[in-house]
Amino acid sequence: MTLLITVFAAVIATVAWYKHAPESQMKLGILCWLFWGASLMWLVDAIFEYAELGAEYFTPAPADMLNDAFLGLSAVALALVIWLVILLIKDPKGVIKNMLFKKKK
């Protein structure tokens, strides 16, 4: 479940990045790297878990699926928070800079 959630997030972020690639002001490339990195991590985890469990890997308990879903959503939320912090630090549109150095009349 973690792999599916992060792959879907990676595909959505990649489509959004590709659609806005020439401008790229919102640093969507960073978000793509975060999601694809998490997807690769969960893919390696799935491969090793399948090697350990065999066919039982495809019949998880409902509680395990729920835990994996929460973990996948947590990974997506953490990536979004990291992207947001990077976006606020880089401030590509200068919004924060303008607010901090706003001249009073």
PDB file of N, CA and C in Angstrom:
ATOM      1  N   MET A   1       0.824  -1.189   0.000  1.00  0.00           N
ATOM      2  CA  MET A   1       0.000   0.000   0.000  1.00  0.00           C
ATOM      3  C   MET A   1       0.874   1.260   0.000  1.00  0.00           C
ATOM      4  N   THR A   2       1.986   1.218   0.726  1.00  0.00           N
ATOM      5  CA  THR A   2       2.881   2.383   0.741  1.00  0.00           C
ATOM      6  C   THR A   2       3.445   2.638  -0.640  1.00  0.00           C
ATOM      7  N   LEU A   3       3.795   1.548  -1.327  1.00  0.00           N
ATOM      8  CA  LEU A   3       4.335   1.687  -2.680  1.00  0.00           C
ATOM      9  C   LEU A   3       3.302   2.298  -3.618  1.00  0.00           C
ATOM     10  N   LEU A   4       2.074   1.840  -3.560  1.00  0.00           N
ATOM     11  CA  LEU A   4       1.031   2.378  -4.438  1.00  0.00           C
ATOM     12  C   LEU A   4       0.773   3.861  -4.183  1.00  0.00           C
ATOM     13  N   ILE A   5       0.693   4.227  -2.926  1.00  0.00           N
ATOM     14  CA  ILE A   5       0.404   5.626  -2.583  1.00  0.00           C
ATOM     15  C   ILE A   5       1.523   6.543  -3.062  1.00  0.00           C
ATOM     16  N   THR A   6       2.774   6.151  -2.833  1.00  0.00           N
ATOM     17  CA  THR A   6       3.881   7.016  -3.251  1.00  0.00           C
ATOM     18  C   THR A   6       4.048   7.030  -4.771  1.00  0.00           C
ATOM     19  N   VAL A   7       3.764   5.920  -5.440  1.00  0.00           N
ATOM     20  CA  VAL A   7       3.846   5.913  -6.909  1.00  0.00           C
ATOM     21  C   VAL A   7       2.762   6.815  -7.496  1.00  0.00           C
ATOM     22  N   PHE A   8       1.543   6.744  -6.972  1.00  0.00           N
ATOM     23  CA  PHE A   8       0.486   7.638  -7.456  1.00  0.00           C
ATOM     24  C   PHE A   8       0.857   9.102  -7.222  1.00  0.00           C
ATOM     25  N   ALA A   9       1.410   9.408  -6.046  1.00  0.00           N
ATOM     26  CA  ALA A   9       1.835  10.777  -5.769  1.00  0.00           C
ATOM     27  C   ALA A   9       2.956  11.198  -6.714  1.00  0.00           C
ATOM     28  N   ALA A  10       3.878  10.292  -7.002  1.00  0.00           N
ATOM     29  CA  ALA A  10       4.987  10.598  -7.903  1.00  0.00           C
ATOM     30  C   ALA A  10       4.487  10.839  -9.327  1.00  0.00           C
ATOM     31  N   VAL A  11       3.549  10.034  -9.776  1.00  0.00           N
ATOM     32  CA  VAL A  11       3.013  10.210 -11.127  1.00  0.00           C
ATOM     33  C   VAL A  11       2.262  11.539 -11.230  1.00  0.00           C
ATOM     34  N   ILE A  12       1.457  11.857 -10.236  1.00  0.00           N
ATOM     35  CA  ILE A  12       0.713  13.128 -10.255  1.00  0.00           C
ATOM     36  C   ILE A  12       1.674  14.314 -10.232  1.00  0.00           C
ATOM     37  N   ALA A  13       2.702  14.253  -9.391  1.00  0.00           N
ATOM     38  CA  ALA A  13       3.682  15.340  -9.323  1.00  0.00           C
ATOM     39  C   ALA A  13       4.463  15.461 -10.628  1.00  0.00           C
ATOM     40  N   THR A  14       4.782  14.330 -11.243  1.00  0.00           N
ATOM     41  CA  THR A  14       5.517  14.361 -12.501  1.00  0.00           C
ATOM     42  C   THR A  14       4.678  14.955 -13.627  1.00  0.00           C
ATOM     43  N   VAL A  15       3.409  14.611 -13.673  1.00  0.00           N
ATOM     44  CA  VAL A  15       2.524  15.194 -14.688  1.00  0.00           C
ATOM     45  C   VAL A  15       2.399  16.702 -14.478  1.00  0.00           C
ATOM     46  N   ALA A  16       2.250  17.125 -13.233  1.00  0.00           N
ATOM     47  CA  ALA A  16       2.160  18.562 -12.940  1.00  0.00           C
ATOM     48  C   ALA A  16       3.465  19.269 -13.303  1.00  0.00           C
ATOM     49  N   TRP A  17       4.596  18.639 -13.007  1.00  0.00           N
ATOM     50  CA  TRP A  17       5.897  19.220 -13.346  1.00  0.00           C
ATOM     51  C   TRP A  17       6.048  19.335 -14.863  1.00  0.00           C
ATOM     52  N   TYR A  18       5.685  18.278 -15.580  1.00  0.00           N
ATOM     53  CA  TYR A  18       5.836  18.277 -17.031  1.00  0.00           C
ATOM     54  C   TYR A  18       4.929  19.317 -17.686  1.00  0.00           C
ATOM     55  N   LYS A  19       3.762  19.491 -17.119  1.00  0.00           N
ATOM     56  CA  LYS A  19       2.826  20.472 -17.663  1.00  0.00           C
ATOM     57  C   LYS A  19       3.363  21.896 -17.505  1.00  0.00           C
ATOM     58  N   HIS A  20       4.051  22.151 -16.395  1.00  0.00           N
ATOM     59  CA  HIS A  20       4.559  23.498 -16.101  1.00  0.00           C
ATOM     60  C   HIS A  20       6.071  23.577 -16.219  1.00  0.00           C
ATOM     61  N   ALA A  21       6.693  22.677 -16.990  1.00  0.00           N
ATOM     62  CA  ALA A  21       8.157  22.585 -17.046  1.00  0.00           C
ATOM     63  C   ALA A  21       8.859  23.870 -17.500  1.00  0.00           C
ATOM     64  N   PRO A  22       8.390  24.582 -18.505  1.00  0.00           N
ATOM     65  CA  PRO A  22       9.163  25.764 -18.901  1.00  0.00           C
ATOM     66  C   PRO A  22       9.260  26.827 -17.808  1.00  0.00           C
ATOM     67  N   GLU A  23       8.161  27.072 -17.084  1.00  0.00           N
ATOM     68  CA  GLU A  23       8.202  28.100 -16.041  1.00  0.00           C
ATOM     69  C   GLU A  23       8.932  27.595 -14.803  1.00  0.00           C
ATOM     70  N   SER A  24       8.472  26.485 -14.261  1.00  0.00           N
ATOM     71  CA  SER A  24       9.072  25.800 -13.114  1.00  0.00           C
ATOM     72  C   SER A  24       9.363  26.727 -11.938  1.00  0.00           C
ATOM     73  N   GLN A  25       8.476  27.649 -11.631  1.00  0.00           N
ATOM     74  CA  GLN A  25       8.682  28.540 -10.499  1.00  0.00           C
ATOM     75  C   GLN A  25       8.360  27.877  -9.167  1.00  0.00           C
ATOM     76  N   MET A  26       7.509  26.896  -9.172  1.00  0.00           N
ATOM     77  CA  MET A  26       7.064  26.286  -7.919  1.00  0.00           C
ATOM     78  C   MET A  26       7.944  25.118  -7.467  1.00  0.00           C
ATOM     79  N   LYS A  27       9.062  24.911  -8.097  1.00  0.00           N
ATOM     80  CA  LYS A  27      10.019  23.867  -7.706  1.00  0.00           C
ATOM     81  C   LYS A  27       9.367  22.482  -7.663  1.00  0.00           C
ATOM     82  N   LEU A  28       8.542  22.176  -8.658  1.00  0.00           N
ATOM     83  CA  LEU A  28       7.880  20.876  -8.699  1.00  0.00           C
ATOM     84  C   LEU A  28       8.860  19.735  -8.958  1.00  0.00           C
ATOM     85  N   GLY A  29       9.999  20.032  -9.534  1.00  0.00           N
ATOM     86  CA  GLY A  29      11.015  19.008  -9.754  1.00  0.00           C
ATOM     87  C   GLY A  29      11.502  18.405  -8.446  1.00  0.00           C
ATOM     88  N   ILE A  30      11.626  19.233  -7.429  1.00  0.00           N
ATOM     89  CA  ILE A  30      12.039  18.743  -6.105  1.00  0.00           C
ATOM     90  C   ILE A  30      10.989  17.793  -5.553  1.00  0.00           C
ATOM     91  N   LEU A  31       9.734  18.148  -5.722  1.00  0.00           N
ATOM     92  CA  LEU A  31       8.649  17.291  -5.251  1.00  0.00           C
ATOM     93  C   LEU A  31       8.668  15.950  -5.992  1.00  0.00           C
ATOM     94  N   CYS A  32       8.943  15.987  -7.277  1.00  0.00           N
ATOM     95  CA  CYS A  32       9.044  14.733  -8.052  1.00  0.00           C
ATOM     96  C   CYS A  32      10.162  13.856  -7.513  1.00  0.00           C
ATOM     97  N   TRP A  33      11.320  14.449  -7.264  1.00  0.00           N
ATOM     98  CA  TRP A  33      12.448  13.668  -6.734  1.00  0.00           C
ATOM     99  C   TRP A  33      12.111  13.059  -5.386  1.00  0.00           C
ATOM    100  N   LEU A  34      11.426  13.802  -4.534  1.00  0.00           N
ATOM    101  CA  LEU A  34      11.050  13.269  -3.218  1.00  0.00           C
ATOM    102  C   LEU A  34      10.109  12.076  -3.357  1.00  0.00           C
ATOM    103  N   PHE A  35       9.094  12.215  -4.193  1.00  0.00           N
ATOM    104  CA  PHE A  35       8.124  11.125  -4.362  1.00  0.00           C
ATOM    105  C   PHE A  35       8.741   9.917  -5.062  1.00  0.00           C
ATOM    106  N   TRP A  36       9.543  10.149  -6.106  1.00  0.00           N
ATOM    107  CA  TRP A  36      10.154   9.016  -6.798  1.00  0.00           C
ATOM    108  C   TRP A  36      11.185   8.326  -5.903  1.00  0.00           C
ATOM    109  N   GLY A  37      11.871   9.084  -5.052  1.00  0.00           N
ATOM    110  CA  GLY A  37      12.799   8.470  -4.099  1.00  0.00           C
ATOM    111  C   GLY A  37      12.076   7.590  -3.096  1.00  0.00           C
ATOM    112  N   ALA A  38      10.944   8.078  -2.605  1.00  0.00           N
ATOM    113  CA  ALA A  38      10.149   7.271  -1.676  1.00  0.00           C
ATOM    114  C   ALA A  38       9.600   6.028  -2.375  1.00  0.00           C
ATOM    115  N   SER A  39       9.185   6.186  -3.630  1.00  0.00           N
ATOM    116  CA  SER A  39       8.677   5.036  -4.384  1.00  0.00           C
ATOM    117  C   SER A  39       9.760   3.988  -4.583  1.00  0.00           C
ATOM    118  N   LEU A  40      10.956   4.425  -4.888  1.00  0.00           N
ATOM    119  CA  LEU A  40      12.067   3.486  -5.056  1.00  0.00           C
ATOM    120  C   LEU A  40      12.379   2.774  -3.742  1.00  0.00           C
ATOM    121  N   MET A  41      12.339   3.517  -2.646  1.00  0.00           N
ATOM    122  CA  MET A  41      12.581   2.914  -1.334  1.00  0.00           C
ATOM    123  C   MET A  41      11.536   1.835  -1.038  1.00  0.00           C
ATOM    124  N   TRP A  42      10.254   2.123  -1.295  1.00  0.00           N
ATOM    125  CA  TRP A  42       9.200   1.150  -1.025  1.00  0.00           C
ATOM    126  C   TRP A  42       9.254  -0.021  -2.000  1.00  0.00           C
ATOM    127  N   LEU A  43       9.737   0.212  -3.220  1.00  0.00           N
ATOM    128  CA  LEU A  43       9.897  -0.885  -4.175  1.00  0.00           C
ATOM    129  C   LEU A  43      10.962  -1.871  -3.691  1.00  0.00           C
ATOM    130  N   VAL A  44      12.078  -1.349  -3.218  1.00  0.00           N
ATOM    131  CA  VAL A  44      13.129  -2.223  -2.675  1.00  0.00           C
ATOM    132  C   VAL A  44      12.602  -2.971  -1.460  1.00  0.00           C
ATOM    133  N   ASP A  45      11.853  -2.291  -0.616  1.00  0.00           N
ATOM    134  CA  ASP A  45      11.256  -2.942   0.550  1.00  0.00           C
ATOM    135  C   ASP A  45      10.298  -4.051   0.119  1.00  0.00           C
ATOM    136  N   ALA A  46       9.497  -3.806  -0.900  1.00  0.00           N
ATOM    137  CA  ALA A  46       8.545  -4.817  -1.386  1.00  0.00           C
ATOM    138  C   ALA A  46       9.273  -6.030  -1.962  1.00  0.00           C
ATOM    139  N   ILE A  47      10.364  -5.784  -2.675  1.00  0.00           N
ATOM    140  CA  ILE A  47      11.133  -6.892  -3.242  1.00  0.00           C
ATOM    141  C   ILE A  47      11.700  -7.779  -2.144  1.00  0.00           C
ATOM    142  N   PHE A  48      12.287  -7.162  -1.124  1.00  0.00           N
ATOM    143  CA  PHE A  48      12.861  -7.949  -0.035  1.00  0.00           C
ATOM    144  C   PHE A  48      11.787  -8.653   0.791  1.00  0.00           C
ATOM    145  N   GLU A  49      10.642  -7.980   0.974  1.00  0.00           N
ATOM    146  CA  GLU A  49       9.556  -8.611   1.719  1.00  0.00           C
ATOM    147  C   GLU A  49       8.965  -9.777   0.939  1.00  0.00           C
ATOM    148  N   TYR A  50       8.873  -9.645  -0.381  1.00  0.00           N
ATOM    149  CA  TYR A  50       8.386 -10.744  -1.204  1.00  0.00           C
ATOM    150  C   TYR A  50       9.373 -11.916  -1.164  1.00  0.00           C
ATOM    151  N   ALA A  51      10.663 -11.609  -1.179  1.00  0.00           N
ATOM    152  CA  ALA A  51      11.671 -12.670  -1.099  1.00  0.00           C
ATOM    153  C   ALA A  51      11.572 -13.423   0.228  1.00  0.00           C
ATOM    154  N   GLU A  52      11.171 -12.712   1.270  1.00  0.00           N
ATOM    155  CA  GLU A  52      11.050 -13.334   2.590  1.00  0.00           C
ATOM    156  C   GLU A  52       9.745 -14.110   2.740  1.00  0.00           C
ATOM    157  N   LEU A  53       8.628 -13.534   2.286  1.00  0.00           N
ATOM    158  CA  LEU A  53       7.315 -14.136   2.523  1.00  0.00           C
ATOM    159  C   LEU A  53       6.813 -15.014   1.379  1.00  0.00           C
ATOM    160  N   GLY A  54       7.246 -14.756   0.193  1.00  0.00           N
ATOM    161  CA  GLY A  54       6.743 -15.506  -0.952  1.00  0.00           C
ATOM    162  C   GLY A  54       5.333 -15.071  -1.312  1.00  0.00           C
ATOM    163  N   ALA A  55       4.462 -16.035  -1.593  1.00  0.00           N
ATOM    164  CA  ALA A  55       3.090 -15.741  -2.030  1.00  0.00           C
ATOM    165  C   ALA A  55       2.254 -15.086  -0.929  1.00  0.00           C
ATOM    166  N   GLU A  56       2.631 -15.253   0.322  1.00  0.00           N
ATOM    167  CA  GLU A  56       1.894 -14.620   1.428  1.00  0.00           C
ATOM    168  C   GLU A  56       1.957 -13.096   1.356  1.00  0.00           C
ATOM    169  N   TYR A  57       2.916 -12.580   0.615  1.00  0.00           N
ATOM    170  CA  TYR A  57       3.061 -11.132   0.462  1.00  0.00           C
ATOM    171  C   TYR A  57       1.798 -10.513  -0.143  1.00  0.00           C
ATOM    172  N   PHE A  58       1.105 -11.260  -1.000  1.00  0.00           N
ATOM    173  CA  PHE A  58      -0.055 -10.732  -1.710  1.00  0.00           C
ATOM    174  C   PHE A  58      -1.362 -10.879  -0.944  1.00  0.00           C
ATOM    175  N   THR A  59      -1.330 -11.435   0.268  1.00  0.00           N
ATOM    176  CA  THR A  59      -2.538 -11.561   1.089  1.00  0.00           C
ATOM    177  C   THR A  59      -2.291 -10.967   2.479  1.00  0.00           C
ATOM    178  N   PRO A  60      -2.105  -9.649   2.545  1.00  0.00           N
ATOM    179  CA  PRO A  60      -1.857  -9.039   3.849  1.00  0.00           C
ATOM    180  C   PRO A  60      -3.124  -8.972   4.697  1.00  0.00           C
ATOM    181  N   ALA A  61      -2.933  -8.886   5.978  1.00  0.00           N
ATOM    182  CA  ALA A  61      -4.054  -8.719   6.909  1.00  0.00           C
ATOM    183  C   ALA A  61      -4.598  -7.294   6.773  1.00  0.00           C
ATOM    184  N   PRO A  62      -5.888  -7.100   7.024  1.00  0.00           N
ATOM    185  CA  PRO A  62      -6.458  -5.744   6.930  1.00  0.00           C
ATOM    186  C   PRO A  62      -5.749  -4.731   7.834  1.00  0.00           C
ATOM    187  N   ALA A  63      -5.342  -5.156   9.012  1.00  0.00           N
ATOM    188  CA  ALA A  63      -4.633  -4.242   9.907  1.00  0.00           C
ATOM    189  C   ALA A  63      -3.292  -3.821   9.315  1.00  0.00           C
ATOM    190  N   ASP A  64      -2.609  -4.752   8.660  1.00  0.00           N
ATOM    191  CA  ASP A  64      -1.338  -4.418   8.008  1.00  0.00           C
ATOM    192  C   ASP A  64      -1.550  -3.450   6.842  1.00  0.00           C
ATOM    193  N   MET A  65      -2.629  -3.652   6.105  1.00  0.00           N
ATOM    194  CA  MET A  65      -2.921  -2.738   4.997  1.00  0.00           C
ATOM    195  C   MET A  65      -3.240  -1.333   5.504  1.00  0.00           C
ATOM    196  N   LEU A  66      -3.953  -1.249   6.601  1.00  0.00           N
ATOM    197  CA  LEU A  66      -4.273   0.051   7.177  1.00  0.00           C
ATOM    198  C   LEU A  66      -3.012   0.748   7.680  1.00  0.00           C
ATOM    199  N   ASN A  67      -2.147  -0.006   8.349  1.00  0.00           N
ATOM    200  CA  ASN A  67      -0.883   0.564   8.820  1.00  0.00           C
ATOM    201  C   ASN A  67      -0.030   1.033   7.643  1.00  0.00           C
ATOM    202  N   ASP A  68       0.015   0.245   6.579  1.00  0.00           N
ATOM    203  CA  ASP A  68       0.779   0.632   5.401  1.00  0.00           C
ATOM    204  C   ASP A  68       0.185   1.864   4.738  1.00  0.00           C
ATOM    205  N   ALA A  69      -1.136   1.972   4.724  1.00  0.00           N
ATOM    206  CA  ALA A  69      -1.776   3.158   4.142  1.00  0.00           C
ATOM    207  C   ALA A  69      -1.428   4.403   4.945  1.00  0.00           C
ATOM    208  N   PHE A  70      -1.476   4.302   6.270  1.00  0.00           N
ATOM    209  CA  PHE A  70      -1.094   5.446   7.112  1.00  0.00           C
ATOM    210  C   PHE A  70       0.373   5.808   6.906  1.00  0.00           C
ATOM    211  N   LEU A  71       1.227   4.809   6.764  1.00  0.00           N
ATOM    212  CA  LEU A  71       2.641   5.069   6.541  1.00  0.00           C
ATOM    213  C   LEU A  71       2.867   5.722   5.182  1.00  0.00           C
ATOM    214  N   GLY A  72       2.161   5.263   4.164  1.00  0.00           N
ATOM    215  CA  GLY A  72       2.279   5.870   2.839  1.00  0.00           C
ATOM    216  C   GLY A  72       1.793   7.311   2.827  1.00  0.00           C
ATOM    217  N   LEU A  73       0.663   7.562   3.477  1.00  0.00           N
ATOM    218  CA  LEU A  73       0.156   8.934   3.562  1.00  0.00           C
ATOM    219  C   LEU A  73       1.085   9.825   4.378  1.00  0.00           C
ATOM    220  N   SER A  74       1.703   9.260   5.407  1.00  0.00           N
ATOM    221  CA  SER A  74       2.670  10.019   6.196  1.00  0.00           C
ATOM    222  C   SER A  74       3.897  10.371   5.372  1.00  0.00           C
ATOM    223  N   ALA A  75       4.354   9.441   4.539  1.00  0.00           N
ATOM    224  CA  ALA A  75       5.501   9.716   3.671  1.00  0.00           C
ATOM    225  C   ALA A  75       5.164  10.821   2.674  1.00  0.00           C
ATOM    226  N   VAL A  76       3.970  10.781   2.108  1.00  0.00           N
ATOM    227  CA  VAL A  76       3.540  11.822   1.172  1.00  0.00           C
ATOM    228  C   VAL A  76       3.431  13.164   1.895  1.00  0.00           C
ATOM    229  N   ALA A  77       2.872  13.167   3.094  1.00  0.00           N
ATOM    230  CA  ALA A  77       2.738  14.409   3.855  1.00  0.00           C
ATOM    231  C   ALA A  77       4.109  14.982   4.213  1.00  0.00           C
ATOM    232  N   LEU A  78       5.051  14.135   4.596  1.00  0.00           N
ATOM    233  CA  LEU A  78       6.390  14.601   4.925  1.00  0.00           C
ATOM    234  C   LEU A  78       7.071  15.195   3.698  1.00  0.00           C
ATOM    235  N   ALA A  79       6.916  14.553   2.547  1.00  0.00           N
ATOM    236  CA  ALA A  79       7.500  15.097   1.313  1.00  0.00           C
ATOM    237  C   ALA A  79       6.888  16.450   0.972  1.00  0.00           C
ATOM    238  N   LEU A  80       5.582  16.590   1.166  1.00  0.00           N
ATOM    239  CA  LEU A  80       4.933  17.872   0.901  1.00  0.00           C
ATOM    240  C   LEU A  80       5.421  18.964   1.851  1.00  0.00           C
ATOM    241  N   VAL A  81       5.642  18.613   3.115  1.00  0.00           N
ATOM    242  CA  VAL A  81       6.165  19.578   4.083  1.00  0.00           C
ATOM    243  C   VAL A  81       7.578  20.001   3.710  1.00  0.00           C
ATOM    244  N   ILE A  82       8.424  19.044   3.322  1.00  0.00           N
ATOM    245  CA  ILE A  82       9.786  19.370   2.909  1.00  0.00           C
ATOM    246  C   ILE A  82       9.761  20.277   1.684  1.00  0.00           C
ATOM    247  N   TRP A  83       8.908  19.954   0.716  1.00  0.00           N
ATOM    248  CA  TRP A  83       8.791  20.784  -0.482  1.00  0.00           C
ATOM    249  C   TRP A  83       8.323  22.191  -0.134  1.00  0.00           C
ATOM    250  N   LEU A  84       7.364  22.281   0.773  1.00  0.00           N
ATOM    251  CA  LEU A  84       6.849  23.590   1.173  1.00  0.00           C
ATOM    252  C   LEU A  84       7.921  24.427   1.866  1.00  0.00           C
ATOM    253  N   VAL A  85       8.708  23.811   2.728  1.00  0.00           N
ATOM    254  CA  VAL A  85       9.788  24.534   3.400  1.00  0.00           C
ATOM    255  C   VAL A  85      10.814  25.022   2.376  1.00  0.00           C
ATOM    256  N   ILE A  86      11.188  24.157   1.442  1.00  0.00           N
ATOM    257  CA  ILE A  86      12.127  24.566   0.392  1.00  0.00           C
ATOM    258  C   ILE A  86      11.545  25.703  -0.431  1.00  0.00           C
ATOM    259  N   LEU A  87      10.266  25.598  -0.751  1.00  0.00           N
ATOM    260  CA  LEU A  87       9.605  26.636  -1.533  1.00  0.00           C
ATOM    261  C   LEU A  87       9.589  27.965  -0.776  1.00  0.00           C
ATOM    262  N   LEU A  88       9.327  27.919   0.522  1.00  0.00           N
ATOM    263  CA  LEU A  88       9.314  29.156   1.306  1.00  0.00           C
ATOM    264  C   LEU A  88      10.712  29.750   1.460  1.00  0.00           C
ATOM    265  N   ILE A  89      11.723  28.900   1.556  1.00  0.00           N
ATOM    266  CA  ILE A  89      13.096  29.403   1.675  1.00  0.00           C
ATOM    267  C   ILE A  89      13.562  30.013   0.353  1.00  0.00           C
ATOM    268  N   LYS A  90      13.314  29.320  -0.751  1.00  0.00           N
ATOM    269  CA  LYS A  90      13.747  29.828  -2.065  1.00  0.00           C
ATOM    270  C   LYS A  90      12.919  31.031  -2.502  1.00  0.00           C
ATOM    271  N   ASP A  91      11.640  31.059  -2.157  1.00  0.00           N
ATOM    272  CA  ASP A  91      10.720  32.162  -2.459  1.00  0.00           C
ATOM    273  C   ASP A  91      10.826  32.615  -3.910  1.00  0.00           C
ATOM    274  N   PRO A  92      10.449  31.730  -4.865  1.00  0.00           N
ATOM    275  CA  PRO A  92      10.651  32.057  -6.279  1.00  0.00           C
ATOM    276  C   PRO A  92       9.844  33.254  -6.779  1.00  0.00           C
ATOM    277  N   LYS A  93       8.725  33.533  -6.188  1.00  0.00           N
ATOM    278  CA  LYS A  93       7.914  34.678  -6.626  1.00  0.00           C
ATOM    279  C   LYS A  93       8.178  35.933  -5.795  1.00  0.00           C
ATOM    280  N   GLY A  94       9.026  35.824  -4.786  1.00  0.00           N
ATOM    281  CA  GLY A  94       9.387  36.981  -3.975  1.00  0.00           C
ATOM    282  C   GLY A  94       8.302  37.464  -3.038  1.00  0.00           C
ATOM    283  N   VAL A  95       7.342  36.631  -2.716  1.00  0.00           N
ATOM    284  CA  VAL A  95       6.219  37.043  -1.874  1.00  0.00           C
ATOM    285  C   VAL A  95       6.687  37.322  -0.449  1.00  0.00           C
ATOM    286  N   ILE A  96       7.471  36.422   0.112  1.00  0.00           N
ATOM    287  CA  ILE A  96       7.930  36.593   1.496  1.00  0.00           C
ATOM    288  C   ILE A  96       8.885  37.775   1.591  1.00  0.00           C
ATOM    289  N   LYS A  97       9.766  37.932   0.614  1.00  0.00           N
ATOM    290  CA  LYS A  97      10.698  39.053   0.594  1.00  0.00           C
ATOM    291  C   LYS A  97       9.944  40.377   0.561  1.00  0.00           C
ATOM    292  N   ASN A  98       8.908  40.443  -0.267  1.00  0.00           N
ATOM    293  CA  ASN A  98       8.114  41.670  -0.358  1.00  0.00           C
ATOM    294  C   ASN A  98       7.375  41.958   0.943  1.00  0.00           C
ATOM    295  N   MET A  99       6.900  40.915   1.611  1.00  0.00           N
ATOM    296  CA  MET A  99       6.192  41.131   2.875  1.00  0.00           C
ATOM    297  C   MET A  99       7.145  41.562   3.980  1.00  0.00           C
ATOM    298  N   LEU A 100       8.347  41.014   4.007  1.00  0.00           N
ATOM    299  CA  LEU A 100       9.292  41.359   5.061  1.00  0.00           C
ATOM    300  C   LEU A 100       9.862  42.759   4.891  1.00  0.00           C
ATOM    301  N   PHE A 101      10.091  43.151   3.660  1.00  0.00           N
ATOM    302  CA  PHE A 101      10.716  44.436   3.401  1.00  0.00           C
ATOM    303  C   PHE A 101       9.733  45.458   2.831  1.00  0.00           C
ATOM    304  N   LYS A 102       8.470  45.295   3.213  1.00  0.00           N
ATOM    305  CA  LYS A 102       7.432  46.187   2.732  1.00  0.00           C
ATOM    306  C   LYS A 102       7.638  47.572   3.356  1.00  0.00           C
ATOM    307  N   LYS A 103       7.687  48.559   2.516  1.00  0.00           N
ATOM    308  CA  LYS A 103       7.885  49.938   2.998  1.00  0.00           C
ATOM    309  C   LYS A 103       6.551  50.522   3.413  1.00  0.00           C
ATOM    310  N   LYS A 104       6.564  51.137   4.578  1.00  0.00           N
ATOM    311  CA  LYS A 104       5.358  51.791   5.071  1.00  0.00           C
ATOM    312  C   LYS A 104       5.313  53.210   4.537  1.00  0.00           C
ATOM    313  N   LYS A 105       4.107  53.659   4.227  1.00  0.00           N
ATOM    314  CA  LYS A 105       3.942  54.995   3.656  1.00  0.00           C
ATOM    315  C   LYS A 105       3.931  56.058   4.699  1.00  0.00           C
TER     316      LYS A 105
END
